[in-house]
């Protein structure tokens, strides 16, 4: 993990890494970079959780499968609030029956 994308891209091209992460750009991206060993290295930039310069994002990944997806922070927060409200209703309903 490095801050600047040009360092991440340089690291990726060596073929010494399966995955390189960086920040700084404030734009989420998942990029395959060809490396000198004939393979590809993934470069991930999660974007900005604060929403500076673009919408707030993060990356969720499965390291065993090497699968990653860019997620929107606001959508995740909305889902969590809905889930919490649903679980609060279940707790309230349970308490009424006790």
C-alpha atoms as a PDB file:
ATOM      1  CA  UNK A   1       0.000   0.000   0.000  1.00  0.00           C
ATOM      2  CA  UNK A   2       1.332   3.386  -1.025  1.00  0.00           C
ATOM      3  CA  UNK A   3      -0.148   6.845  -1.198  1.00  0.00           C
ATOM      4  CA  UNK A   4       0.627   7.947  -4.741  1.00  0.00           C
ATOM      5  CA  UNK A   5      -0.714   6.131  -7.831  1.00  0.00           C
ATOM      6  CA  UNK A   6       2.509   6.464  -9.827  1.00  0.00           C
ATOM      7  CA  UNK A   7       4.345   4.469  -7.134  1.00  0.00           C
ATOM      8  CA  UNK A   8       1.570   1.846  -7.158  1.00  0.00           C
ATOM      9  CA  UNK A   9       1.688   1.547 -10.942  1.00  0.00           C
ATOM     10  CA  UNK A  10       5.468   1.142 -10.880  1.00  0.00           C
ATOM     11  CA  UNK A  11       5.207  -1.542  -8.203  1.00  0.00           C
ATOM     12  CA  UNK A  12       2.514  -3.335 -10.200  1.00  0.00           C
ATOM     13  CA  UNK A  13       4.603  -3.466 -13.363  1.00  0.00           C
ATOM     14  CA  UNK A  14       7.374  -5.405 -11.573  1.00  0.00           C
ATOM     15  CA  UNK A  15       5.167  -8.488 -11.265  1.00  0.00           C
ATOM     16  CA  UNK A  16       6.290  -8.946  -7.665  1.00  0.00           C
ATOM     17  CA  UNK A  17       2.799  -8.256  -6.312  1.00  0.00           C
ATOM     18  CA  UNK A  18      -0.665  -9.671  -6.988  1.00  0.00           C
ATOM     19  CA  UNK A  19      -2.306  -6.553  -5.579  1.00  0.00           C
ATOM     20  CA  UNK A  20      -1.195  -2.958  -5.018  1.00  0.00           C
ATOM     21  CA  UNK A  21      -3.336  -0.349  -3.251  1.00  0.00           C
ATOM     22  CA  UNK A  22      -2.997   3.404  -3.322  1.00  0.00           C
ATOM     23  CA  UNK A  23      -4.911   6.554  -2.507  1.00  0.00           C
ATOM     24  CA  UNK A  24      -4.475  10.212  -3.420  1.00  0.00           C
ATOM     25  CA  UNK A  25      -6.610  10.302  -6.588  1.00  0.00           C
ATOM     26  CA  UNK A  26      -9.934  10.521  -4.738  1.00  0.00           C
ATOM     27  CA  UNK A  27     -11.531   8.494  -7.551  1.00  0.00           C
ATOM     28  CA  UNK A  28     -12.285   4.829  -6.981  1.00  0.00           C
ATOM     29  CA  UNK A  29     -10.801   2.415  -9.478  1.00  0.00           C
ATOM     30  CA  UNK A  30      -9.927  -1.209  -9.943  1.00  0.00           C
ATOM     31  CA  UNK A  31      -7.329  -1.591 -12.663  1.00  0.00           C
ATOM     32  CA  UNK A  32      -5.410  -4.524 -14.119  1.00  0.00           C
ATOM     33  CA  UNK A  33      -1.844  -3.581 -15.010  1.00  0.00           C
ATOM     34  CA  UNK A  34       0.310  -5.751 -17.271  1.00  0.00           C
ATOM     35  CA  UNK A  35       3.602  -6.613 -15.623  1.00  0.00           C
ATOM     36  CA  UNK A  36       7.059  -7.512 -16.930  1.00  0.00           C
ATOM     37  CA  UNK A  37       6.603 -11.161 -15.925  1.00  0.00           C
ATOM     38  CA  UNK A  38       3.751 -11.564 -18.424  1.00  0.00           C
ATOM     39  CA  UNK A  39       0.973 -11.482 -15.850  1.00  0.00           C
ATOM     40  CA  UNK A  40      -1.340  -8.855 -14.480  1.00  0.00           C
ATOM     41  CA  UNK A  41      -1.392  -7.057 -11.149  1.00  0.00           C
ATOM     42  CA  UNK A  42      -4.472  -5.433  -9.650  1.00  0.00           C
ATOM     43  CA  UNK A  43      -4.246  -1.801  -8.577  1.00  0.00           C
ATOM     44  CA  UNK A  44      -6.949  -0.574  -6.240  1.00  0.00           C
ATOM     45  CA  UNK A  45      -7.785   2.975  -5.217  1.00  0.00           C
ATOM     46  CA  UNK A  46     -10.767   3.046  -2.838  1.00  0.00           C
ATOM     47  CA  UNK A  47     -11.578   6.661  -3.639  1.00  0.00           C
ATOM     48  CA  UNK A  48     -12.605   9.007  -0.867  1.00  0.00           C
ATOM     49  CA  UNK A  49     -14.864   8.183   2.052  1.00  0.00           C
ATOM     50  CA  UNK A  50     -15.316  11.913   2.710  1.00  0.00           C
ATOM     51  CA  UNK A  51     -16.642  12.679  -0.773  1.00  0.00           C
ATOM     52  CA  UNK A  52     -13.877  15.150  -1.633  1.00  0.00           C
ATOM     53  CA  UNK A  53     -13.837  15.694  -5.399  1.00  0.00           C
ATOM     54  CA  UNK A  54     -16.135  12.740  -6.128  1.00  0.00           C
ATOM     55  CA  UNK A  55     -18.810  10.649  -4.459  1.00  0.00           C
ATOM     56  CA  UNK A  56     -17.743   8.835  -1.254  1.00  0.00           C
ATOM     57  CA  UNK A  57     -16.647   5.254  -1.950  1.00  0.00           C
ATOM     58  CA  UNK A  58     -14.678   2.321  -0.609  1.00  0.00           C
ATOM     59  CA  UNK A  59     -13.640  -1.087  -1.954  1.00  0.00           C
ATOM     60  CA  UNK A  60     -14.806  -4.384  -0.513  1.00  0.00           C
ATOM     61  CA  UNK A  61     -12.797  -7.430  -1.496  1.00  0.00           C
ATOM     62  CA  UNK A  62     -12.308 -11.142  -1.098  1.00  0.00           C
ATOM     63  CA  UNK A  63      -8.553 -11.751  -0.962  1.00  0.00           C
ATOM     64  CA  UNK A  64      -8.866 -15.508  -1.399  1.00  0.00           C
ATOM     65  CA  UNK A  65     -10.805 -15.098  -4.650  1.00  0.00           C
ATOM     66  CA  UNK A  66      -9.083 -11.811  -5.573  1.00  0.00           C
ATOM     67  CA  UNK A  67     -12.494 -10.273  -6.283  1.00  0.00           C
ATOM     68  CA  UNK A  68     -13.140  -6.616  -5.485  1.00  0.00           C
ATOM     69  CA  UNK A  69     -15.987  -4.169  -5.896  1.00  0.00           C
ATOM     70  CA  UNK A  70     -16.355  -0.437  -5.489  1.00  0.00           C
ATOM     71  CA  UNK A  71     -19.129   0.467  -3.075  1.00  0.00           C
ATOM     72  CA  UNK A  72     -20.906   3.735  -2.464  1.00  0.00           C
ATOM     73  CA  UNK A  73     -20.695   4.938   1.164  1.00  0.00           C
ATOM     74  CA  UNK A  74     -24.161   6.541   1.159  1.00  0.00           C
ATOM     75  CA  UNK A  75     -25.837   3.360  -0.119  1.00  0.00           C
ATOM     76  CA  UNK A  76     -24.114   1.307   2.558  1.00  0.00           C
ATOM     77  CA  UNK A  77     -25.147   3.725   5.303  1.00  0.00           C
ATOM     78  CA  UNK A  78     -28.757   3.691   4.068  1.00  0.00           C
ATOM     79  CA  UNK A  79     -28.792  -0.129   4.047  1.00  0.00           C
ATOM     80  CA  UNK A  80     -27.350  -0.284   7.562  1.00  0.00           C
ATOM     81  CA  UNK A  81     -29.919   2.192   8.883  1.00  0.00           C
ATOM     82  CA  UNK A  82     -32.713   0.166   7.298  1.00  0.00           C
ATOM     83  CA  UNK A  83     -31.277  -3.036   8.795  1.00  0.00           C
ATOM     84  CA  UNK A  84     -30.993  -1.405  12.224  1.00  0.00           C
ATOM     85  CA  UNK A  85     -34.570  -0.138  12.066  1.00  0.00           C
ATOM     86  CA  UNK A  86     -35.721  -3.606  11.096  1.00  0.00           C
ATOM     87  CA  UNK A  87     -33.827  -5.209  13.992  1.00  0.00           C
ATOM     88  CA  UNK A  88     -35.172  -2.531  16.373  1.00  0.00           C
ATOM     89  CA  UNK A  89     -38.694  -3.485  15.293  1.00  0.00           C
ATOM     90  CA  UNK A  90     -37.934  -7.139  15.967  1.00  0.00           C
ATOM     91  CA  UNK A  91     -36.595  -6.319  19.448  1.00  0.00           C
ATOM     92  CA  UNK A  92     -39.651  -4.170  20.212  1.00  0.00           C
ATOM     93  CA  UNK A  93     -41.981  -6.881  18.981  1.00  0.00           C
ATOM     94  CA  UNK A  94     -40.189  -9.450  21.121  1.00  0.00           C
ATOM     95  CA  UNK A  95     -40.458  -7.225  24.182  1.00  0.00           C
ATOM     96  CA  UNK A  96     -44.198  -6.792  23.665  1.00  0.00           C
ATOM     97  CA  UNK A  97     -44.679 -10.557  23.792  1.00  0.00           C
ATOM     98  CA  UNK A  98     -42.655 -10.977  26.989  1.00  0.00           C
END
